[in-house]
Amino acid sequence: MERSLPEGTRGILHARTGLERFRIERLEPPAALAPFVADFWVLRWDLRGRPPHRQRVLTRPSVHMTFTSYLTTRTTRARIAGVVRDDFVEEIHGEGRVVGAAFRPGGFRPFMDAPVSTLTGRFPGVDEVFGEEGLGLAGEVFATADAHEAIGRLAAFLSARHPEPDPSAEKAAAVVERIAAWPGLVRVGDLAEDVGLSARGLQRLFHEYVGIGPKWVIRRFRMQEAAERAASGTGVDWAELAAELGYADQAHFTRDFTAAVGTSPGRYARESEQEAEAEPGRIET
């Protein structure tokens, strides 16, 4: 039996368990920011009287700008999240929210004066990129109780930077979309030929605009697809899926999945089935 996951949860591992502890809402950016921002999002939780929750995520090749408020302890954190190469685990506790902007691949480059790769694996404060104006924005976001109004302030701040359309940023976003739509892609050379670039030119584009190499992006989308399939309850044939994702053998696929997700495909599928059976009702996001 198929166990469909709510939209907007791709990459959130054990999403059903997570969504019993937090809610996430995604909003489209205004038209002027659409070339740069994929979506704005709000994550809310109330775990008062409950244990903290640690959420593991298979991150995407994008930069995030986030404003985290722990309402219980009255602590805040405003930062830029570069592309995360390895595990990303966030612990939430008490009551709180995060207001964030998810940038399209390449979409953050017009807001900074350095390659996006300088952010990779890092979480600098907003002041490192936007200076005192960034700190002022953080104060406004944290002081705004209504999350939608807080997103409006963030959108206005980004719009006021007057980012210029960049054909190379658009090219980077298009190449990442091509990777996402090509599950069986394995070789960077094949991708380069498909998008009309040399392998070296493709590497340079990703270094400057995406923040991480195309090989990583290829592997990450394959693992996200595999994890989503495993959680869907469609009776996955692992050997068939491995071949579909471009693996020469199932053993190699299993090793990559286990390294990325933290457990084998079969075990992840069983755990997802148990979560679905225990799910009290439909979860809205």
C-alpha atoms as a PDB file:
ATOM      1  CA  MET A   1       0.000   0.000   0.000  1.00  0.00           C
ATOM      2  CA  GLU A   2       1.360   3.422  -0.947  1.00  0.00           C
ATOM      3  CA  ARG A   3       2.035   5.814   1.912  1.00  0.00           C
ATOM      4  CA  SER A   4       2.177   9.269   0.366  1.00  0.00           C
ATOM      5  CA  LEU A   5       4.144  11.943   2.172  1.00  0.00           C
ATOM      6  CA  PRO A   6       2.966  15.556   2.473  1.00  0.00           C
ATOM      7  CA  GLU A   7       4.315  17.923  -0.168  1.00  0.00           C
ATOM      8  CA  GLY A   8       7.388  19.929   0.720  1.00  0.00           C
ATOM      9  CA  THR A   9       8.959  17.231   2.877  1.00  0.00           C
ATOM     10  CA  ARG A  10      11.485  15.770   0.401  1.00  0.00           C
ATOM     11  CA  GLY A  11      14.814  15.385   2.142  1.00  0.00           C
ATOM     12  CA  ILE A  12      13.255  15.331   5.640  1.00  0.00           C
ATOM     13  CA  LEU A  13      14.127  11.861   6.887  1.00  0.00           C
ATOM     14  CA  HIS A  14      11.418  10.036   8.843  1.00  0.00           C
ATOM     15  CA  ALA A  15       9.132  12.910   7.901  1.00  0.00           C
ATOM     16  CA  ARG A  16       6.036  11.414   9.541  1.00  0.00           C
ATOM     17  CA  THR A  17       7.727  11.299  12.939  1.00  0.00           C
ATOM     18  CA  GLY A  18       9.116  14.792  12.417  1.00  0.00           C
ATOM     19  CA  LEU A  19       5.752  16.258  11.455  1.00  0.00           C
ATOM     20  CA  GLU A  20       4.253  15.013  14.694  1.00  0.00           C
ATOM     21  CA  ARG A  21       6.676  17.427  16.397  1.00  0.00           C
ATOM     22  CA  PHE A  22       6.795  20.418  14.079  1.00  0.00           C
ATOM     23  CA  ARG A  23       4.847  22.051  11.263  1.00  0.00           C
ATOM     24  CA  ILE A  24       6.339  23.598   8.166  1.00  0.00           C
ATOM     25  CA  GLU A  25       4.658  26.090   5.854  1.00  0.00           C
ATOM     26  CA  ARG A  26       6.069  27.226   2.515  1.00  0.00           C
ATOM     27  CA  LEU A  27       5.134  30.433   0.700  1.00  0.00           C
ATOM     28  CA  GLU A  28       5.928  31.583  -2.814  1.00  0.00           C
ATOM     29  CA  PRO A  29       8.182  34.613  -3.174  1.00  0.00           C
ATOM     30  CA  PRO A  30       6.981  37.831  -4.817  1.00  0.00           C
ATOM     31  CA  ALA A  31       7.567  37.942  -8.569  1.00  0.00           C
ATOM     32  CA  ALA A  32      10.598  40.232  -8.283  1.00  0.00           C
ATOM     33  CA  LEU A  33      12.384  37.693  -6.077  1.00  0.00           C
ATOM     34  CA  ALA A  34      11.287  34.549  -7.920  1.00  0.00           C
ATOM     35  CA  PRO A  35      14.524  34.349  -9.989  1.00  0.00           C
ATOM     36  CA  PHE A  36      16.486  34.173  -6.736  1.00  0.00           C
ATOM     37  CA  VAL A  37      14.308  32.670  -3.990  1.00  0.00           C
ATOM     38  CA  ALA A  38      12.680  29.242  -4.304  1.00  0.00           C
ATOM     39  CA  ASP A  39      10.340  29.827  -1.374  1.00  0.00           C
ATOM     40  CA  PHE A  40       9.965  31.386   2.036  1.00  0.00           C
ATOM     41  CA  TRP A  41       9.184  29.006   4.868  1.00  0.00           C
ATOM     42  CA  VAL A  42       8.127  28.928   8.491  1.00  0.00           C
ATOM     43  CA  LEU A  43       8.789  26.053  10.854  1.00  0.00           C
ATOM     44  CA  ARG A  44       6.912  26.013  14.168  1.00  0.00           C
ATOM     45  CA  TRP A  45       7.028  23.645  17.119  1.00  0.00           C
ATOM     46  CA  ASP A  46       5.707  23.333  20.650  1.00  0.00           C
ATOM     47  CA  LEU A  47       7.490  20.595  22.597  1.00  0.00           C
ATOM     48  CA  ARG A  48       6.848  22.000  26.044  1.00  0.00           C
ATOM     49  CA  GLY A  49       6.590  19.038  28.373  1.00  0.00           C
ATOM     50  CA  ARG A  50       8.010  16.718  25.703  1.00  0.00           C
ATOM     51  CA  PRO A  51      11.564  15.594  24.950  1.00  0.00           C
ATOM     52  CA  PRO A  52      13.712  17.525  22.452  1.00  0.00           C
ATOM     53  CA  HIS A  53      13.562  16.321  18.852  1.00  0.00           C
ATOM     54  CA  ARG A  54      16.585  15.782  16.613  1.00  0.00           C
ATOM     55  CA  GLN A  55      15.720  16.004  12.912  1.00  0.00           C
ATOM     56  CA  ARG A  56      18.036  14.690  10.210  1.00  0.00           C
ATOM     57  CA  VAL A  57      17.789  16.180   6.714  1.00  0.00           C
ATOM     58  CA  LEU A  58      19.259  15.269   3.333  1.00  0.00           C
ATOM     59  CA  THR A  59      19.954  18.845   2.323  1.00  0.00           C
ATOM     60  CA  ARG A  60      19.526  20.272  -1.159  1.00  0.00           C
ATOM     61  CA  PRO A  61      22.129  22.312  -3.075  1.00  0.00           C
ATOM     62  CA  SER A  62      20.790  25.656  -1.917  1.00  0.00           C
ATOM     63  CA  VAL A  63      21.580  28.441   0.532  1.00  0.00           C
ATOM     64  CA  HIS A  64      19.150  29.305   3.322  1.00  0.00           C
ATOM     65  CA  MET A  65      18.771  32.489   5.345  1.00  0.00           C
ATOM     66  CA  THR A  66      17.219  31.617   8.696  1.00  0.00           C
ATOM     67  CA  PHE A  67      15.974  33.381  11.816  1.00  0.00           C
ATOM     68  CA  THR A  68      15.434  30.990  14.728  1.00  0.00           C
ATOM     69  CA  SER A  69      13.547  31.983  17.877  1.00  0.00           C
ATOM     70  CA  TYR A  70      13.459  29.712  20.921  1.00  0.00           C
ATOM     71  CA  LEU A  71      10.472  31.269  22.648  1.00  0.00           C
ATOM     72  CA  THR A  72      10.844  29.237  25.825  1.00  0.00           C
ATOM     73  CA  THR A  73      14.410  30.355  26.518  1.00  0.00           C
ATOM     74  CA  ARG A  74      14.099  33.692  24.663  1.00  0.00           C
ATOM     75  CA  THR A  75      17.200  32.975  22.610  1.00  0.00           C
ATOM     76  CA  THR A  76      17.608  33.791  18.926  1.00  0.00           C
ATOM     77  CA  ARG A  77      19.918  32.935  16.035  1.00  0.00           C
ATOM     78  CA  ALA A  78      20.177  34.645  12.648  1.00  0.00           C
ATOM     79  CA  ARG A  79      22.445  32.982  10.106  1.00  0.00           C
ATOM     80  CA  ILE A  80      23.147  32.032   6.537  1.00  0.00           C
ATOM     81  CA  ALA A  81      23.306  28.284   5.930  1.00  0.00           C
ATOM     82  CA  GLY A  82      25.607  27.352   3.075  1.00  0.00           C
ATOM     83  CA  VAL A  83      25.293  24.012   1.290  1.00  0.00           C
ATOM     84  CA  VAL A  84      25.829  21.210   3.819  1.00  0.00           C
ATOM     85  CA  ARG A  85      27.970  18.420   2.376  1.00  0.00           C
ATOM     86  CA  ASP A  86      27.357  15.757   4.993  1.00  0.00           C
ATOM     87  CA  ASP A  87      24.773  15.186   7.717  1.00  0.00           C
ATOM     88  CA  PHE A  88      22.542  18.030   8.808  1.00  0.00           C
ATOM     89  CA  VAL A  89      20.871  17.460  12.160  1.00  0.00           C
ATOM     90  CA  GLU A  90      18.929  20.141  14.004  1.00  0.00           C
ATOM     91  CA  GLU A  91      17.608  19.790  17.550  1.00  0.00           C
ATOM     92  CA  ILE A  92      14.469  21.624  18.595  1.00  0.00           C
ATOM     93  CA  HIS A  93      13.138  21.928  22.119  1.00  0.00           C
ATOM     94  CA  GLY A  94      10.591  23.906  24.089  1.00  0.00           C
ATOM     95  CA  GLU A  95       8.566  26.217  21.853  1.00  0.00           C
ATOM     96  CA  GLY A  96       9.866  28.134  18.881  1.00  0.00           C
ATOM     97  CA  ARG A  97       9.866  28.973  15.210  1.00  0.00           C
ATOM     98  CA  VAL A  98      12.178  29.488  12.271  1.00  0.00           C
ATOM     99  CA  VAL A  99      11.519  32.029   9.536  1.00  0.00           C
ATOM    100  CA  GLY A 100      13.593  31.277   6.459  1.00  0.00           C
ATOM    101  CA  ALA A 101      14.291  31.911   2.801  1.00  0.00           C
ATOM    102  CA  ALA A 102      15.400  29.022   0.581  1.00  0.00           C
ATOM    103  CA  PHE A 103      17.368  30.348  -2.382  1.00  0.00           C
ATOM    104  CA  ARG A 104      17.382  28.723  -5.789  1.00  0.00           C
ATOM    105  CA  PRO A 105      20.683  27.117  -6.758  1.00  0.00           C
ATOM    106  CA  GLY A 106      22.755  30.097  -7.879  1.00  0.00           C
ATOM    107  CA  GLY A 107      20.159  32.491  -6.470  1.00  0.00           C
ATOM    108  CA  PHE A 108      22.213  33.724  -3.536  1.00  0.00           C
ATOM    109  CA  ARG A 109      25.220  34.758  -5.627  1.00  0.00           C
ATOM    110  CA  PRO A 110      23.752  38.194  -6.568  1.00  0.00           C
ATOM    111  CA  PHE A 111      23.475  39.032  -2.851  1.00  0.00           C
ATOM    112  CA  MET A 112      27.172  38.542  -2.078  1.00  0.00           C
ATOM    113  CA  ASP A 113      30.526  39.618  -3.478  1.00  0.00           C
ATOM    114  CA  ALA A 114      32.233  36.223  -3.368  1.00  0.00           C
ATOM    115  CA  PRO A 115      31.654  32.719  -4.782  1.00  0.00           C
ATOM    116  CA  VAL A 116      28.863  30.786  -3.086  1.00  0.00           C
ATOM    117  CA  SER A 117      31.420  28.049  -2.348  1.00  0.00           C
ATOM    118  CA  THR A 118      32.863  30.348   0.359  1.00  0.00           C
ATOM    119  CA  LEU A 119      29.706  29.560   2.370  1.00  0.00           C
ATOM    120  CA  THR A 120      29.750  25.791   1.841  1.00  0.00           C
ATOM    121  CA  GLY A 121      29.743  23.874   5.106  1.00  0.00           C
ATOM    122  CA  ARG A 122      29.486  27.122   7.062  1.00  0.00           C
ATOM    123  CA  PHE A 123      26.783  28.957   9.042  1.00  0.00           C
ATOM    124  CA  PRO A 124      27.909  32.578   9.207  1.00  0.00           C
ATOM    125  CA  GLY A 125      25.777  35.166  10.951  1.00  0.00           C
ATOM    126  CA  VAL A 126      23.703  37.480   8.771  1.00  0.00           C
ATOM    127  CA  ASP A 127      26.083  40.302   9.668  1.00  0.00           C
ATOM    128  CA  GLU A 128      28.960  38.546   7.885  1.00  0.00           C
ATOM    129  CA  VAL A 129      27.141  38.925   4.571  1.00  0.00           C
ATOM    130  CA  PHE A 130      24.808  41.877   5.161  1.00  0.00           C
ATOM    131  CA  GLY A 131      26.569  43.828   7.914  1.00  0.00           C
ATOM    132  CA  GLU A 132      24.657  46.079  10.293  1.00  0.00           C
ATOM    133  CA  GLU A 133      21.617  46.085   7.986  1.00  0.00           C
ATOM    134  CA  GLY A 134      21.412  42.327   8.400  1.00  0.00           C
ATOM    135  CA  LEU A 135      21.459  42.673  12.175  1.00  0.00           C
ATOM    136  CA  GLY A 136      18.709  45.268  11.931  1.00  0.00           C
ATOM    137  CA  LEU A 137      16.622  42.873   9.863  1.00  0.00           C
ATOM    138  CA  ALA A 138      17.146  40.133  12.451  1.00  0.00           C
ATOM    139  CA  GLY A 139      15.851  42.428  15.168  1.00  0.00           C
ATOM    140  CA  GLU A 140      12.747  43.193  13.107  1.00  0.00           C
ATOM    141  CA  VAL A 141      12.048  39.531  12.337  1.00  0.00           C
ATOM    142  CA  PHE A 142      12.461  38.457  15.957  1.00  0.00           C
ATOM    143  CA  ALA A 143      10.245  41.297  17.175  1.00  0.00           C
ATOM    144  CA  THR A 144       7.444  40.398  14.751  1.00  0.00           C
ATOM    145  CA  ALA A 145       4.995  37.950  16.295  1.00  0.00           C
ATOM    146  CA  ASP A 146       3.116  37.179  13.076  1.00  0.00           C
ATOM    147  CA  ALA A 147       5.209  34.829  10.945  1.00  0.00           C
ATOM    148  CA  HIS A 148       3.734  36.004   7.644  1.00  0.00           C
ATOM    149  CA  GLU A 149       4.534  39.605   8.539  1.00  0.00           C
ATOM    150  CA  ALA A 150       8.062  38.519   9.448  1.00  0.00           C
ATOM    151  CA  ILE A 151       8.418  36.923   6.011  1.00  0.00           C
ATOM    152  CA  GLY A 152       7.192  40.174   4.489  1.00  0.00           C
ATOM    153  CA  ARG A 153      10.002  42.031   6.246  1.00  0.00           C
ATOM    154  CA  LEU A 154      12.541  39.499   4.996  1.00  0.00           C
ATOM    155  CA  ALA A 155      11.204  39.739   1.442  1.00  0.00           C
ATOM    156  CA  ALA A 156      11.315  43.539   1.577  1.00  0.00           C
ATOM    157  CA  PHE A 157      14.917  43.435   2.804  1.00  0.00           C
ATOM    158  CA  LEU A 158      16.005  41.177  -0.050  1.00  0.00           C
ATOM    159  CA  SER A 159      14.089  43.234  -2.628  1.00  0.00           C
ATOM    160  CA  ALA A 160      15.793  46.392  -1.363  1.00  0.00           C
ATOM    161  CA  ARG A 161      19.174  44.865  -2.248  1.00  0.00           C
ATOM    162  CA  HIS A 162      18.080  45.181  -5.915  1.00  0.00           C
ATOM    163  CA  PRO A 163      19.663  41.919  -7.100  1.00  0.00           C
ATOM    164  CA  GLU A 164      20.468  41.996 -10.801  1.00  0.00           C
ATOM    165  CA  PRO A 165      19.383  39.125 -13.064  1.00  0.00           C
ATOM    166  CA  ASP A 166      22.417  36.973 -13.781  1.00  0.00           C
ATOM    167  CA  PRO A 167      22.408  34.628 -16.800  1.00  0.00           C
ATOM    168  CA  SER A 168      25.019  32.418 -15.128  1.00  0.00           C
ATOM    169  CA  ALA A 169      22.839  32.052 -12.034  1.00  0.00           C
ATOM    170  CA  GLU A 170      19.928  31.069 -14.254  1.00  0.00           C
ATOM    171  CA  LYS A 171      22.181  28.574 -16.029  1.00  0.00           C
ATOM    172  CA  ALA A 172      23.236  27.058 -12.707  1.00  0.00           C
ATOM    173  CA  ALA A 173      19.595  26.698 -11.606  1.00  0.00           C
ATOM    174  CA  ALA A 174      18.680  25.098 -14.940  1.00  0.00           C
ATOM    175  CA  VAL A 175      21.525  22.581 -14.693  1.00  0.00           C
ATOM    176  CA  VAL A 176      20.489  21.602 -11.150  1.00  0.00           C
ATOM    177  CA  GLU A 177      16.906  21.148 -12.379  1.00  0.00           C
ATOM    178  CA  ARG A 178      18.247  18.945 -15.170  1.00  0.00           C
ATOM    179  CA  ILE A 179      20.045  16.776 -12.618  1.00  0.00           C
ATOM    180  CA  ALA A 180      16.869  16.455 -10.555  1.00  0.00           C
ATOM    181  CA  ALA A 181      14.927  15.334 -13.626  1.00  0.00           C
ATOM    182  CA  TRP A 182      17.531  12.726 -14.705  1.00  0.00           C
ATOM    183  CA  PRO A 183      17.513   9.966 -12.056  1.00  0.00           C
ATOM    184  CA  GLY A 184      19.887   7.675 -13.944  1.00  0.00           C
ATOM    185  CA  LEU A 185      22.583  10.321 -14.440  1.00  0.00           C
ATOM    186  CA  VAL A 186      25.983   9.125 -13.232  1.00  0.00           C
ATOM    187  CA  ARG A 187      28.781  10.900 -15.054  1.00  0.00           C
ATOM    188  CA  VAL A 188      29.531  14.616 -14.838  1.00  0.00           C
ATOM    189  CA  GLY A 189      30.823  14.388 -18.404  1.00  0.00           C
ATOM    190  CA  ASP A 190      27.407  13.269 -19.642  1.00  0.00           C
ATOM    191  CA  LEU A 191      25.780  16.181 -17.834  1.00  0.00           C
ATOM    192  CA  ALA A 192      28.270  18.676 -19.233  1.00  0.00           C
ATOM    193  CA  GLU A 193      27.632  17.461 -22.771  1.00  0.00           C
ATOM    194  CA  ASP A 194      23.869  17.571 -22.233  1.00  0.00           C
ATOM    195  CA  VAL A 195      23.910  21.215 -21.047  1.00  0.00           C
ATOM    196  CA  GLY A 196      26.479  22.408 -23.566  1.00  0.00           C
ATOM    197  CA  LEU A 197      29.437  23.042 -21.259  1.00  0.00           C
ATOM    198  CA  SER A 198      32.873  21.531 -20.835  1.00  0.00           C
ATOM    199  CA  ALA A 199      33.410  19.505 -17.644  1.00  0.00           C
ATOM    200  CA  ARG A 200      35.801  22.209 -16.407  1.00  0.00           C
ATOM    201  CA  GLY A 201      33.297  24.956 -17.256  1.00  0.00           C
ATOM    202  CA  LEU A 202      30.573  23.093 -15.378  1.00  0.00           C
ATOM    203  CA  GLN A 203      32.808  22.761 -12.326  1.00  0.00           C
ATOM    204  CA  ARG A 204      33.594  26.489 -12.408  1.00  0.00           C
ATOM    205  CA  LEU A 205      29.903  27.374 -12.704  1.00  0.00           C
ATOM    206  CA  PHE A 206      28.989  25.239  -9.700  1.00  0.00           C
ATOM    207  CA  HIS A 207      31.912  26.564  -7.623  1.00  0.00           C
ATOM    208  CA  GLU A 208      30.854  30.155  -8.238  1.00  0.00           C
ATOM    209  CA  TYR A 209      27.073  29.857  -8.101  1.00  0.00           C
ATOM    210  CA  VAL A 210      25.921  26.605  -6.484  1.00  0.00           C
ATOM    211  CA  GLY A 211      28.621  26.204  -3.858  1.00  0.00           C
ATOM    212  CA  ILE A 212      29.385  22.538  -4.402  1.00  0.00           C
ATOM    213  CA  GLY A 213      30.382  20.316  -7.323  1.00  0.00           C
ATOM    214  CA  PRO A 214      27.974  18.665  -9.763  1.00  0.00           C
ATOM    215  CA  LYS A 215      29.017  15.157  -8.672  1.00  0.00           C
ATOM    216  CA  TRP A 216      27.762  15.852  -5.143  1.00  0.00           C
ATOM    217  CA  VAL A 217      24.492  17.238  -6.511  1.00  0.00           C
ATOM    218  CA  ILE A 218      23.978  14.147  -8.668  1.00  0.00           C
ATOM    219  CA  ARG A 219      24.514  11.823  -5.703  1.00  0.00           C
ATOM    220  CA  ARG A 220      22.341  13.874  -3.369  1.00  0.00           C
ATOM    221  CA  PHE A 221      19.321  13.897  -5.685  1.00  0.00           C
ATOM    222  CA  ARG A 222      19.686  10.150  -6.197  1.00  0.00           C
ATOM    223  CA  MET A 223      19.657   9.595  -2.430  1.00  0.00           C
ATOM    224  CA  GLN A 224      16.653  11.862  -1.944  1.00  0.00           C
ATOM    225  CA  GLU A 225      14.785   9.904  -4.609  1.00  0.00           C
ATOM    226  CA  ALA A 226      15.762   6.614  -2.986  1.00  0.00           C
ATOM    227  CA  ALA A 227      14.731   7.747   0.495  1.00  0.00           C
ATOM    228  CA  GLU A 228      11.379   8.981  -0.779  1.00  0.00           C
ATOM    229  CA  ARG A 229      10.775   5.687  -2.565  1.00  0.00           C
ATOM    230  CA  ALA A 230      11.707   3.743   0.552  1.00  0.00           C
ATOM    231  CA  ALA A 231       9.252   5.759   2.627  1.00  0.00           C
ATOM    232  CA  SER A 232       6.419   5.463   0.097  1.00  0.00           C
ATOM    233  CA  GLY A 233       5.501   1.860   0.814  1.00  0.00           C
ATOM    234  CA  THR A 234       5.289   0.818  -2.811  1.00  0.00           C
ATOM    235  CA  GLY A 235       7.168  -2.484  -2.371  1.00  0.00           C
ATOM    236  CA  VAL A 236      10.515  -1.265  -3.671  1.00  0.00           C
ATOM    237  CA  ASP A 237      12.646  -3.658  -5.693  1.00  0.00           C
ATOM    238  CA  TRP A 238      16.067  -2.466  -4.513  1.00  0.00           C
ATOM    239  CA  ALA A 239      18.025  -4.007  -7.377  1.00  0.00           C
ATOM    240  CA  GLU A 240      15.671  -2.385  -9.879  1.00  0.00           C
ATOM    241  CA  LEU A 241      15.863   0.974  -8.113  1.00  0.00           C
ATOM    242  CA  ALA A 242      19.661   0.789  -7.980  1.00  0.00           C
ATOM    243  CA  ALA A 243      19.760   0.239 -11.737  1.00  0.00           C
ATOM    244  CA  GLU A 244      17.253   3.047 -12.333  1.00  0.00           C
ATOM    245  CA  LEU A 245      19.475   5.426 -10.372  1.00  0.00           C
ATOM    246  CA  GLY A 246      22.512   4.495 -12.423  1.00  0.00           C
ATOM    247  CA  TYR A 247      24.234   2.062 -10.060  1.00  0.00           C
ATOM    248  CA  ALA A 248      26.144  -0.847 -11.518  1.00  0.00           C
ATOM    249  CA  ASP A 249      25.121  -3.071  -8.603  1.00  0.00           C
ATOM    250  CA  GLN A 250      22.833  -3.097  -5.602  1.00  0.00           C
ATOM    251  CA  ALA A 251      25.711  -3.348  -3.107  1.00  0.00           C
ATOM    252  CA  HIS A 252      27.127   0.017  -4.188  1.00  0.00           C
ATOM    253  CA  PHE A 253      23.674   1.593  -3.937  1.00  0.00           C
ATOM    254  CA  THR A 254      23.179   0.148  -0.437  1.00  0.00           C
ATOM    255  CA  ARG A 255      26.523   1.522   0.748  1.00  0.00           C
ATOM    256  CA  ASP A 256      25.739   5.012  -0.554  1.00  0.00           C
ATOM    257  CA  PHE A 257      22.222   4.967   0.924  1.00  0.00           C
ATOM    258  CA  THR A 258      23.463   3.819   4.329  1.00  0.00           C
ATOM    259  CA  ALA A 259      26.178   6.483   4.371  1.00  0.00           C
ATOM    260  CA  ALA A 260      23.709   9.259   3.484  1.00  0.00           C
ATOM    261  CA  VAL A 261      20.651   8.202   5.484  1.00  0.00           C
ATOM    262  CA  GLY A 262      22.296   6.418   8.408  1.00  0.00           C
ATOM    263  CA  THR A 263      20.607   3.073   7.883  1.00  0.00           C
ATOM    264  CA  SER A 264      20.108   0.531   5.097  1.00  0.00           C
ATOM    265  CA  PRO A 265      17.315   0.968   2.516  1.00  0.00           C
ATOM    266  CA  GLY A 266      15.384  -2.029   3.797  1.00  0.00           C
ATOM    267  CA  ARG A 267      15.525  -0.901   7.396  1.00  0.00           C
ATOM    268  CA  TYR A 268      14.538   2.655   6.487  1.00  0.00           C
ATOM    269  CA  ALA A 269      11.536   1.265   4.586  1.00  0.00           C
ATOM    270  CA  ARG A 270      10.484  -0.879   7.575  1.00  0.00           C
ATOM    271  CA  GLU A 271      10.833   2.047   9.975  1.00  0.00           C
ATOM    272  CA  SER A 272       8.801   4.251   7.623  1.00  0.00           C
ATOM    273  CA  GLU A 273       6.075   1.595   7.492  1.00  0.00           C
ATOM    274  CA  GLN A 274       5.929   1.501  11.284  1.00  0.00           C
ATOM    275  CA  GLU A 275       5.642   5.294  11.378  1.00  0.00           C
ATOM    276  CA  ALA A 276       2.770   5.210   8.871  1.00  0.00           C
ATOM    277  CA  GLU A 277       0.910   2.558  10.849  1.00  0.00           C
ATOM    278  CA  ALA A 278       1.254   4.617  14.019  1.00  0.00           C
ATOM    279  CA  GLU A 279       0.230   7.876  12.318  1.00  0.00           C
ATOM    280  CA  PRO A 280      -2.935   9.171  14.039  1.00  0.00           C
ATOM    281  CA  GLY A 281      -4.262  11.010  10.989  1.00  0.00           C
ATOM    282  CA  ARG A 282      -3.426  13.104   8.003  1.00  0.00           C
ATOM    283  CA  ILE A 283      -0.756  15.722   8.627  1.00  0.00           C
ATOM    284  CA  GLU A 284      -1.242  19.105   7.002  1.00  0.00           C
ATOM    285  CA  THR A 285       1.700  21.321   6.145  1.00  0.00           C
END
